[in-house]
N, C-alpha and C. Protein backbone atom coordinates (compact mmCIF):
# COMPACT_ATOMS: atom_id res chain seq x y z
N UNK A 1 0.93 -1.22 0.02
CA UNK A 1 -0.03 -0.01 0.05
C UNK A 1 0.85 1.22 -0.06
N UNK A 2 0.62 2.19 -0.81
CA UNK A 2 1.31 3.40 -0.84
C UNK A 2 0.86 4.36 0.16
N UNK A 3 1.83 4.64 1.00
CA UNK A 3 1.49 5.56 2.20
C UNK A 3 1.86 6.95 1.92
N UNK A 4 1.02 7.91 2.13
CA UNK A 4 1.00 9.25 1.70
C UNK A 4 1.88 10.07 2.64
N UNK A 5 2.63 10.98 1.96
CA UNK A 5 3.63 11.80 2.83
C UNK A 5 3.24 13.37 2.74
N UNK A 6 3.78 13.99 3.55
CA UNK A 6 3.51 15.43 3.71
C UNK A 6 4.46 16.11 2.68
N UNK A 7 4.14 17.34 2.23
CA UNK A 7 4.86 18.11 1.19
C UNK A 7 5.30 19.31 1.99
N UNK A 8 6.72 19.50 2.05
CA UNK A 8 7.24 20.75 2.68
C UNK A 8 7.01 21.94 1.72
N UNK A 9 6.38 23.00 2.10
CA UNK A 9 6.09 24.19 1.39
C UNK A 9 7.08 25.18 1.70
N UNK A 10 7.42 25.51 2.95
CA UNK A 10 8.40 26.39 3.46
C UNK A 10 8.96 25.98 4.86
N UNK A 11 10.01 26.61 5.25
CA UNK A 11 10.59 26.37 6.45
C UNK A 11 11.19 27.65 6.99
N UNK A 12 10.99 27.92 8.36
CA UNK A 12 11.72 29.15 8.93
C UNK A 12 12.06 28.86 10.36
N UNK A 13 13.24 29.19 10.73
CA UNK A 13 13.72 29.13 12.05
C UNK A 13 13.09 30.06 12.90
N UNK A 14 12.33 29.68 13.95
CA UNK A 14 11.67 30.62 14.98
C UNK A 14 12.43 30.81 16.21
N UNK A 15 13.45 29.97 16.56
CA UNK A 15 14.16 30.15 17.73
C UNK A 15 15.50 29.44 17.45
N UNK A 16 16.64 30.14 17.85
CA UNK A 16 17.97 29.62 17.68
C UNK A 16 18.77 29.86 19.04
N UNK A 17 18.90 28.91 19.84
CA UNK A 17 19.70 28.98 21.15
C UNK A 17 20.28 27.61 21.44
N UNK A 18 20.15 27.20 22.58
CA UNK A 18 20.66 25.87 22.83
C UNK A 18 19.70 24.79 22.03
N UNK A 19 18.56 25.24 21.87
CA UNK A 19 17.57 24.39 21.02
C UNK A 19 17.26 25.33 19.88
N UNK A 20 17.11 24.60 18.58
CA UNK A 20 16.72 25.30 17.38
C UNK A 20 15.41 24.98 17.06
N UNK A 21 14.42 25.76 16.87
CA UNK A 21 13.01 25.27 16.59
C UNK A 21 12.67 25.98 15.17
N UNK A 22 12.17 25.20 14.37
CA UNK A 22 11.65 25.62 13.01
C UNK A 22 10.17 25.42 12.76
N UNK A 23 9.63 26.24 12.07
CA UNK A 23 8.14 26.15 11.76
C UNK A 23 8.15 25.67 10.21
N UNK A 24 7.68 24.46 9.98
CA UNK A 24 7.47 24.08 8.65
C UNK A 24 6.04 24.17 8.28
N UNK A 25 5.80 24.83 7.16
CA UNK A 25 4.56 24.84 6.51
C UNK A 25 4.53 23.65 5.51
N UNK A 26 3.49 22.71 5.79
CA UNK A 26 3.39 21.63 5.14
C UNK A 26 2.00 21.52 4.43
N UNK A 27 1.97 20.71 3.33
CA UNK A 27 0.67 20.41 2.80
C UNK A 27 0.42 18.88 3.10
N UNK A 28 -0.65 18.61 3.55
CA UNK A 28 -1.11 17.27 4.03
C UNK A 28 -1.57 16.50 2.84
N UNK A 29 -1.61 15.14 2.90
CA UNK A 29 -2.34 14.53 1.69
C UNK A 29 -3.66 14.81 1.49
N UNK A 30 -4.29 15.50 2.32
CA UNK A 30 -5.69 15.88 2.23
C UNK A 30 -5.72 17.19 1.39
N UNK A 31 -4.61 17.78 1.10
CA UNK A 31 -4.52 19.07 0.51
C UNK A 31 -4.45 20.33 1.49
N UNK A 32 -4.82 19.95 2.74
CA UNK A 32 -4.76 21.13 3.80
C UNK A 32 -3.40 21.41 4.16
N UNK A 33 -3.14 22.79 4.30
CA UNK A 33 -1.77 23.27 4.67
C UNK A 33 -1.81 23.57 6.32
N UNK A 34 -0.75 23.18 6.85
CA UNK A 34 -0.62 23.45 8.26
C UNK A 34 0.65 23.76 8.60
N UNK A 35 0.98 24.36 9.78
CA UNK A 35 2.28 24.64 10.43
C UNK A 35 2.65 23.57 11.43
N UNK A 36 3.96 23.11 11.17
CA UNK A 36 4.37 21.97 12.05
C UNK A 36 5.61 22.30 12.71
N UNK A 37 5.82 22.29 14.09
CA UNK A 37 7.11 22.61 14.61
C UNK A 37 8.04 21.60 14.78
N UNK A 38 9.40 21.77 14.46
CA UNK A 38 10.45 20.72 14.34
C UNK A 38 11.54 21.22 15.22
N UNK A 39 12.26 20.35 15.95
CA UNK A 39 13.38 20.54 16.67
C UNK A 39 14.58 20.27 15.65
N UNK A 40 15.30 21.05 15.37
CA UNK A 40 16.42 20.83 14.49
C UNK A 40 17.78 21.36 15.03
N UNK A 41 17.75 21.00 16.36
CA UNK A 41 18.95 21.52 17.17
C UNK A 41 20.40 21.06 16.75
N UNK A 42 20.40 19.84 16.27
CA UNK A 42 21.66 19.20 15.97
C UNK A 42 21.54 18.41 14.76
N UNK A 43 22.65 18.08 14.03
CA UNK A 43 22.61 17.22 12.86
C UNK A 43 22.21 15.76 13.36
N UNK A 44 22.74 15.31 14.44
CA UNK A 44 22.45 13.96 14.93
C UNK A 44 23.13 13.95 16.29
N UNK A 45 22.57 12.85 17.15
CA UNK A 45 23.08 12.76 18.45
C UNK A 45 23.71 11.31 18.66
N UNK A 46 24.61 11.37 19.69
CA UNK A 46 25.15 10.01 20.08
C UNK A 46 25.11 9.70 21.47
N UNK A 47 24.96 8.42 21.73
CA UNK A 47 25.08 7.83 23.18
C UNK A 47 25.96 6.71 23.05
N UNK A 48 26.62 6.44 24.31
CA UNK A 48 27.51 5.39 24.51
C UNK A 48 27.23 4.48 25.65
N UNK A 49 26.85 3.13 25.41
CA UNK A 49 26.76 2.18 26.50
C UNK A 49 28.04 1.51 26.79
N UNK A 50 28.65 1.92 27.93
CA UNK A 50 29.95 1.20 28.29
C UNK A 50 29.72 0.07 29.28
N UNK A 51 30.60 -0.86 29.20
CA UNK A 51 30.38 -2.00 30.24
C UNK A 51 31.78 -2.19 30.84
N UNK A 52 31.86 -2.26 32.10
CA UNK A 52 33.00 -2.42 32.83
C UNK A 52 33.62 -3.97 32.65
N UNK A 53 34.88 -3.98 33.12
CA UNK A 53 35.54 -5.30 32.98
C UNK A 53 34.59 -6.36 33.73
N UNK A 54 34.06 -6.01 34.82
CA UNK A 54 33.30 -6.87 35.61
C UNK A 54 31.88 -6.96 35.09
N UNK A 55 31.57 -6.57 33.98
CA UNK A 55 30.21 -6.64 33.49
C UNK A 55 29.12 -5.64 33.76
N UNK A 56 29.44 -4.59 34.55
CA UNK A 56 28.48 -3.63 34.88
C UNK A 56 28.33 -2.73 33.70
N UNK A 57 27.07 -1.97 33.87
CA UNK A 57 26.80 -0.93 32.92
C UNK A 57 27.40 0.33 33.51
N UNK A 58 28.16 1.03 32.70
CA UNK A 58 28.66 2.37 33.15
C UNK A 58 27.82 3.35 32.63
N UNK A 59 27.08 3.99 33.54
CA UNK A 59 26.07 5.09 33.25
C UNK A 59 26.55 6.44 33.75
N UNK A 60 25.80 7.35 33.15
CA UNK A 60 25.95 8.83 33.62
C UNK A 60 24.69 9.08 34.60
N UNK A 61 25.08 9.83 35.72
CA UNK A 61 23.89 10.35 36.51
C UNK A 61 24.11 11.84 36.43
N UNK A 62 22.83 12.36 36.01
CA UNK A 62 22.88 13.90 35.77
C UNK A 62 21.54 14.42 36.29
N UNK A 63 21.58 15.61 36.73
CA UNK A 63 20.57 16.42 37.24
C UNK A 63 19.74 16.93 35.93
N UNK A 64 18.50 16.65 35.82
CA UNK A 64 17.73 17.15 34.63
C UNK A 64 16.65 18.20 35.12
N UNK A 65 16.89 19.43 34.88
CA UNK A 65 16.21 20.55 35.40
C UNK A 65 14.53 20.25 34.95
N UNK A 66 14.06 19.98 33.78
CA UNK A 66 12.69 19.82 33.49
C UNK A 66 12.00 18.69 34.37
N UNK A 67 12.83 17.75 34.78
CA UNK A 67 12.18 16.77 35.72
C UNK A 67 12.34 16.99 37.08
N UNK A 68 13.37 18.04 37.39
CA UNK A 68 13.68 18.41 38.87
C UNK A 68 14.25 17.19 39.62
N UNK A 69 15.09 16.41 38.82
CA UNK A 69 15.59 15.25 39.56
C UNK A 69 16.95 14.67 39.01
N UNK A 70 17.67 13.95 39.49
CA UNK A 70 18.74 13.28 39.00
C UNK A 70 18.21 11.92 38.34
N UNK A 71 18.75 11.70 37.14
CA UNK A 71 18.33 10.37 36.39
C UNK A 71 19.64 9.83 35.92
N UNK A 72 19.56 8.54 35.63
CA UNK A 72 20.44 7.72 35.02
C UNK A 72 20.23 7.82 33.48
N UNK A 73 21.39 8.02 32.67
CA UNK A 73 21.35 7.97 31.30
C UNK A 73 22.58 7.59 30.74
N UNK A 74 22.88 7.58 29.49
CA UNK A 74 24.07 7.18 28.78
C UNK A 74 24.91 8.61 28.44
N UNK A 75 26.24 8.47 28.52
CA UNK A 75 26.99 9.61 28.36
C UNK A 75 26.66 9.93 26.69
N UNK A 76 26.57 11.05 26.30
CA UNK A 76 26.36 11.48 24.85
C UNK A 76 25.95 12.73 24.77
N UNK A 77 25.69 13.11 23.56
CA UNK A 77 25.33 14.49 23.20
C UNK A 77 25.12 14.77 21.68
N UNK A 78 25.26 16.03 21.34
CA UNK A 78 25.10 16.29 19.96
C UNK A 78 26.36 16.21 19.12
N UNK A 79 26.34 15.74 17.85
CA UNK A 79 27.32 15.77 16.87
C UNK A 79 27.43 17.30 16.43
N UNK A 80 28.66 17.70 16.45
CA UNK A 80 29.05 19.10 15.85
C UNK A 80 28.96 19.03 14.35
N UNK A 81 28.76 20.17 13.77
CA UNK A 81 28.70 20.17 12.17
C UNK A 81 30.11 19.91 11.91
N UNK A 82 30.23 18.81 10.86
CA UNK A 82 31.54 18.38 10.37
C UNK A 82 32.19 17.26 10.99
N UNK A 83 31.62 16.82 12.23
CA UNK A 83 32.10 15.80 13.04
C UNK A 83 31.30 14.39 12.76
N UNK A 84 32.15 13.40 12.68
CA UNK A 84 31.71 12.14 12.53
C UNK A 84 30.86 11.64 13.77
N UNK A 85 29.89 10.89 13.67
CA UNK A 85 29.34 10.44 14.89
C UNK A 85 30.07 9.56 15.68
N UNK A 86 30.96 8.74 15.24
CA UNK A 86 31.96 7.96 16.16
C UNK A 86 33.03 8.94 16.93
N UNK A 87 33.31 10.02 16.24
CA UNK A 87 34.24 11.04 16.83
C UNK A 87 33.50 11.81 17.93
N UNK A 88 32.23 11.98 17.79
CA UNK A 88 31.44 12.63 18.76
C UNK A 88 31.14 11.76 19.90
N UNK A 89 31.02 10.51 19.76
CA UNK A 89 30.72 9.40 20.77
C UNK A 89 32.00 9.42 21.64
N UNK A 90 33.18 9.23 21.04
CA UNK A 90 34.39 9.29 21.78
C UNK A 90 34.63 10.64 22.67
N UNK A 91 34.37 11.72 21.93
CA UNK A 91 34.43 13.02 22.72
C UNK A 91 33.54 13.10 23.86
N UNK A 92 32.19 12.86 23.59
CA UNK A 92 31.27 12.98 24.65
C UNK A 92 31.66 12.09 25.87
N UNK A 93 31.99 10.75 25.67
CA UNK A 93 32.24 9.82 26.64
C UNK A 93 33.47 10.33 27.46
N UNK A 94 34.45 10.96 26.80
CA UNK A 94 35.61 11.41 27.59
C UNK A 94 35.27 12.75 28.27
N UNK A 95 34.51 13.67 27.65
CA UNK A 95 34.01 14.79 28.34
C UNK A 95 33.44 14.54 29.71
N UNK A 96 32.30 13.61 29.40
CA UNK A 96 31.33 13.32 30.64
C UNK A 96 31.87 12.58 31.82
N UNK A 97 32.68 11.37 31.36
CA UNK A 97 33.22 10.39 32.27
C UNK A 97 34.66 10.40 32.66
N UNK A 98 35.34 11.14 31.77
CA UNK A 98 36.78 11.17 31.79
C UNK A 98 37.56 9.91 31.46
N UNK A 99 36.84 9.16 30.51
CA UNK A 99 37.43 7.92 30.03
C UNK A 99 37.33 8.04 28.49
N UNK A 100 38.30 7.33 27.86
CA UNK A 100 38.27 7.39 26.34
C UNK A 100 38.11 5.94 25.82
N UNK A 101 37.05 5.68 25.21
CA UNK A 101 36.85 4.43 24.66
C UNK A 101 37.88 3.85 23.78
N UNK A 102 38.17 2.67 23.84
CA UNK A 102 39.35 2.05 23.00
C UNK A 102 38.59 1.26 21.92
N UNK A 103 37.55 0.54 22.28
CA UNK A 103 36.97 -0.37 21.31
C UNK A 103 35.32 0.06 20.92
N UNK A 104 35.30 1.27 20.55
CA UNK A 104 33.90 1.76 20.37
C UNK A 104 33.28 0.90 19.09
N UNK A 105 32.10 0.56 19.39
CA UNK A 105 31.38 -0.23 18.27
C UNK A 105 29.96 0.39 17.90
N UNK A 106 29.65 0.64 16.83
CA UNK A 106 28.37 1.02 16.52
C UNK A 106 27.39 -0.10 16.65
N UNK A 107 26.17 0.31 17.30
CA UNK A 107 25.12 -0.68 17.61
C UNK A 107 23.87 -0.43 16.71
N UNK A 108 23.39 0.91 16.77
CA UNK A 108 21.99 1.05 16.22
C UNK A 108 21.82 2.46 16.08
N UNK A 109 20.88 2.84 15.15
CA UNK A 109 20.36 4.34 15.03
C UNK A 109 18.89 4.21 15.25
N UNK A 110 18.44 5.14 16.04
CA UNK A 110 16.99 5.26 16.28
C UNK A 110 16.58 6.82 16.27
N UNK A 111 15.26 6.99 16.50
CA UNK A 111 14.86 8.39 16.62
C UNK A 111 14.20 8.50 18.01
N UNK A 112 14.75 9.46 18.90
CA UNK A 112 14.32 9.63 20.18
C UNK A 112 12.94 10.18 20.43
N UNK A 113 12.56 10.99 19.53
CA UNK A 113 11.26 11.56 19.53
C UNK A 113 10.76 11.99 18.05
N UNK A 114 10.34 11.07 17.38
CA UNK A 114 10.07 11.15 15.96
C UNK A 114 8.89 12.07 15.67
N UNK A 115 8.21 12.49 16.64
CA UNK A 115 7.10 13.40 16.36
C UNK A 115 7.61 14.84 16.38
N UNK A 116 8.72 14.98 16.85
CA UNK A 116 9.26 16.54 16.93
C UNK A 116 10.74 16.63 16.56
N UNK A 117 11.53 15.60 16.70
CA UNK A 117 13.05 15.83 16.39
C UNK A 117 13.40 15.27 14.96
N UNK A 118 14.17 16.12 14.24
CA UNK A 118 14.47 15.83 12.90
C UNK A 118 15.81 15.00 12.84
N UNK A 119 16.55 14.72 13.95
CA UNK A 119 17.74 14.04 14.04
C UNK A 119 17.76 12.75 14.56
N UNK A 120 18.58 11.79 14.07
CA UNK A 120 18.70 10.48 14.52
C UNK A 120 19.71 10.48 15.79
N UNK A 121 19.65 9.39 16.52
CA UNK A 121 20.51 9.19 17.64
C UNK A 121 21.27 7.80 17.31
N UNK A 122 22.74 7.95 17.31
CA UNK A 122 23.50 6.77 16.99
C UNK A 122 23.90 6.17 18.29
N UNK A 123 23.71 4.88 18.57
CA UNK A 123 23.97 4.17 19.73
C UNK A 123 25.33 3.53 19.56
N UNK A 124 26.34 3.63 20.48
CA UNK A 124 27.61 3.00 20.41
C UNK A 124 27.72 2.23 21.78
N UNK A 125 28.71 1.27 21.66
CA UNK A 125 29.08 0.34 22.83
C UNK A 125 30.54 0.11 22.95
N UNK A 126 31.00 0.11 24.16
CA UNK A 126 32.39 -0.17 24.41
C UNK A 126 32.54 -0.93 25.82
N UNK A 127 33.66 -1.68 25.76
CA UNK A 127 33.94 -2.53 26.87
C UNK A 127 35.36 -2.30 27.50
N UNK A 128 36.20 -1.41 26.69
CA UNK A 128 37.51 -1.00 27.17
C UNK A 128 37.71 0.42 26.96
N UNK A 129 38.25 1.04 28.09
CA UNK A 129 38.55 2.51 28.10
C UNK A 129 39.90 2.69 28.70
N UNK A 130 40.32 3.92 28.45
CA UNK A 130 41.58 4.37 28.97
C UNK A 130 41.38 5.65 29.69
N UNK A 131 42.04 6.06 30.68
CA UNK A 131 41.82 7.27 31.40
C UNK A 131 42.18 8.48 30.48
N UNK A 132 41.16 9.34 30.49
CA UNK A 132 41.11 10.56 29.54
C UNK A 132 40.92 11.68 30.51
N UNK A 133 40.35 12.80 29.98
CA UNK A 133 40.21 14.01 30.69
C UNK A 133 38.79 14.41 30.62
N UNK A 134 38.20 14.52 31.94
CA UNK A 134 36.88 15.01 32.00
C UNK A 134 37.00 16.55 31.78
N UNK A 135 36.18 16.98 30.71
CA UNK A 135 36.54 18.22 30.28
C UNK A 135 35.23 19.12 30.14
N UNK A 136 34.10 18.61 30.51
CA UNK A 136 32.79 19.38 30.37
C UNK A 136 32.91 20.57 31.09
N UNK A 137 32.83 21.71 30.32
CA UNK A 137 32.92 23.16 31.07
C UNK A 137 31.56 23.70 31.07
N UNK A 138 30.68 22.96 30.69
CA UNK A 138 29.18 23.64 30.82
C UNK A 138 28.67 23.41 32.17
N UNK A 139 28.21 24.69 32.87
CA UNK A 139 27.80 24.65 34.18
C UNK A 139 26.54 23.90 34.41
N UNK A 140 25.75 23.69 33.24
CA UNK A 140 24.48 22.89 33.29
C UNK A 140 24.85 21.33 33.36
N UNK A 141 25.91 21.02 33.04
CA UNK A 141 26.20 19.62 32.88
C UNK A 141 27.18 19.11 33.94
N UNK A 142 26.56 18.58 35.03
CA UNK A 142 27.30 17.96 36.23
C UNK A 142 27.03 16.49 36.13
N UNK A 143 27.96 15.78 35.67
CA UNK A 143 27.66 14.31 35.37
C UNK A 143 28.44 13.45 36.30
N UNK A 144 27.96 12.50 37.03
CA UNK A 144 28.68 11.54 37.75
C UNK A 144 28.72 10.17 37.08
N UNK A 145 29.76 9.54 37.09
CA UNK A 145 29.84 8.14 36.48
C UNK A 145 29.36 7.10 37.52
N UNK A 146 28.53 6.20 37.15
CA UNK A 146 27.90 5.31 38.14
C UNK A 146 27.94 3.97 37.48
N UNK A 147 28.60 2.94 38.13
CA UNK A 147 28.56 1.45 37.43
C UNK A 147 27.34 0.75 38.24
N UNK A 148 26.52 0.17 37.41
CA UNK A 148 25.40 -0.54 37.95
C UNK A 148 25.21 -1.90 37.31
N UNK A 149 25.12 -2.98 38.18
CA UNK A 149 24.98 -4.30 37.66
C UNK A 149 23.67 -4.40 36.62
N UNK A 150 23.74 -5.21 35.91
CA UNK A 150 22.67 -5.54 34.86
C UNK A 150 21.41 -5.84 35.57
N UNK A 151 21.49 -6.72 36.62
CA UNK A 151 20.33 -7.26 37.55
C UNK A 151 19.80 -5.97 38.18
N UNK A 152 20.67 -5.03 38.84
CA UNK A 152 20.11 -3.88 39.48
C UNK A 152 19.52 -3.05 38.57
N UNK A 153 20.20 -2.89 37.20
CA UNK A 153 19.58 -1.97 36.29
C UNK A 153 18.15 -2.50 36.03
N UNK A 154 18.01 -3.78 35.71
CA UNK A 154 16.60 -4.34 35.36
C UNK A 154 15.71 -4.18 36.48
N UNK A 155 16.12 -4.39 37.71
CA UNK A 155 15.27 -3.98 38.90
C UNK A 155 14.74 -2.44 38.89
N UNK A 156 15.75 -1.56 38.51
CA UNK A 156 15.41 -0.04 38.49
C UNK A 156 14.33 -0.02 37.34
N UNK A 157 14.43 -0.59 36.22
CA UNK A 157 13.53 -0.51 35.17
C UNK A 157 12.17 -0.98 35.67
N UNK A 158 12.09 -2.14 36.29
CA UNK A 158 10.75 -2.58 36.91
C UNK A 158 10.16 -1.67 37.78
N UNK A 159 10.99 -1.02 38.56
CA UNK A 159 10.39 0.09 39.48
C UNK A 159 10.12 1.32 38.93
N UNK A 160 10.26 1.51 37.60
CA UNK A 160 10.09 2.85 36.98
C UNK A 160 10.97 3.82 37.18
N UNK A 161 12.27 3.46 37.69
CA UNK A 161 13.23 4.50 37.96
C UNK A 161 14.09 4.89 36.80
N UNK A 162 14.03 4.15 35.78
CA UNK A 162 14.84 4.55 34.55
C UNK A 162 13.80 5.22 33.62
N UNK A 163 14.05 6.58 33.32
CA UNK A 163 13.25 7.39 32.34
C UNK A 163 13.82 7.72 31.11
N UNK A 164 15.08 7.49 31.07
CA UNK A 164 15.75 7.90 29.88
C UNK A 164 15.52 6.94 28.61
N UNK A 165 14.94 7.32 27.47
CA UNK A 165 14.55 6.48 26.50
C UNK A 165 15.83 5.77 25.79
N UNK A 166 16.82 6.59 25.69
CA UNK A 166 18.12 6.14 25.06
C UNK A 166 18.59 4.95 25.94
N UNK A 167 18.52 5.09 27.24
CA UNK A 167 19.18 3.95 28.11
C UNK A 167 18.28 2.71 27.90
N UNK A 168 16.92 2.93 27.92
CA UNK A 168 16.08 1.63 27.78
C UNK A 168 16.35 1.06 26.34
N UNK A 169 16.51 1.84 25.37
CA UNK A 169 16.88 1.25 23.93
C UNK A 169 18.05 0.55 24.00
N UNK A 170 19.07 1.20 24.64
CA UNK A 170 20.48 0.54 24.68
C UNK A 170 20.46 -0.81 25.37
N UNK A 171 19.73 -0.96 26.45
CA UNK A 171 19.64 -2.04 27.23
C UNK A 171 19.02 -3.31 26.25
N UNK A 172 17.96 -2.95 25.66
CA UNK A 172 17.21 -3.81 24.67
C UNK A 172 18.15 -4.30 23.63
N UNK A 173 18.64 -3.33 22.83
CA UNK A 173 19.56 -3.73 21.71
C UNK A 173 20.75 -4.32 22.00
N UNK A 174 21.32 -4.17 23.18
CA UNK A 174 22.55 -4.83 23.62
C UNK A 174 22.20 -6.29 23.98
N UNK A 175 21.09 -6.49 24.50
CA UNK A 175 20.72 -7.88 24.79
C UNK A 175 20.28 -8.66 23.60
N UNK A 176 19.70 -7.95 22.56
CA UNK A 176 19.40 -8.72 21.42
C UNK A 176 20.56 -9.01 20.52
N UNK A 177 21.65 -8.31 20.72
CA UNK A 177 22.98 -8.59 20.00
C UNK A 177 23.74 -9.47 20.86
N UNK A 178 23.43 -9.87 21.95
CA UNK A 178 24.09 -10.80 22.66
C UNK A 178 25.25 -10.07 23.56
N UNK A 179 25.16 -8.86 23.66
CA UNK A 179 26.27 -8.25 24.47
C UNK A 179 25.96 -8.01 25.89
N UNK A 180 24.73 -8.23 26.37
CA UNK A 180 24.18 -8.22 27.64
C UNK A 180 23.31 -9.42 27.79
N UNK A 181 23.09 -9.82 29.06
CA UNK A 181 22.11 -10.84 29.16
C UNK A 181 20.67 -10.53 28.77
N UNK A 182 19.79 -11.45 28.42
CA UNK A 182 18.53 -11.25 27.88
C UNK A 182 17.76 -10.38 28.96
N UNK A 183 16.86 -9.59 28.43
CA UNK A 183 15.86 -8.83 29.40
C UNK A 183 14.93 -9.67 29.82
N UNK A 184 14.62 -9.42 31.16
CA UNK A 184 13.35 -10.16 31.81
C UNK A 184 13.95 -11.39 32.43
């Protein structure tokens, strides 16, 4: 079955700051024109699931103001213009955790919020690191490295304590690829 698409008629940036928002005027398959807001902040994003030598998940714990709480998530961030996703993954892991991945492996690409984000998220995996330099100079970004066993992580998921979608997707994909024990 042929699935109808929307047609872009015009695009204008309505806000440019840490977040870039654009209004897209589109024509729907019905012929109706609407304005649709899209987050076009970065070309793409990256996250890294690190596993320690003892098999624990190396996570980032960071305060997230919109939720007013500290949450577990994966180290990662936006790819800078002209930067390859793997380079960004290495950079972000080192900036946030002070560790440089040695065996970075691409796992999966997904959309974190396909209803509003125009950019994909690239998921990477690593099991070996070397000491790097923690260089995040952003006062909004206070990150703590936390190692969590897979069993403890799965218990936190069951209790509703894990809210970051990238982290949930990473756990599932790593299990499906045999890099972590099965879920459940």
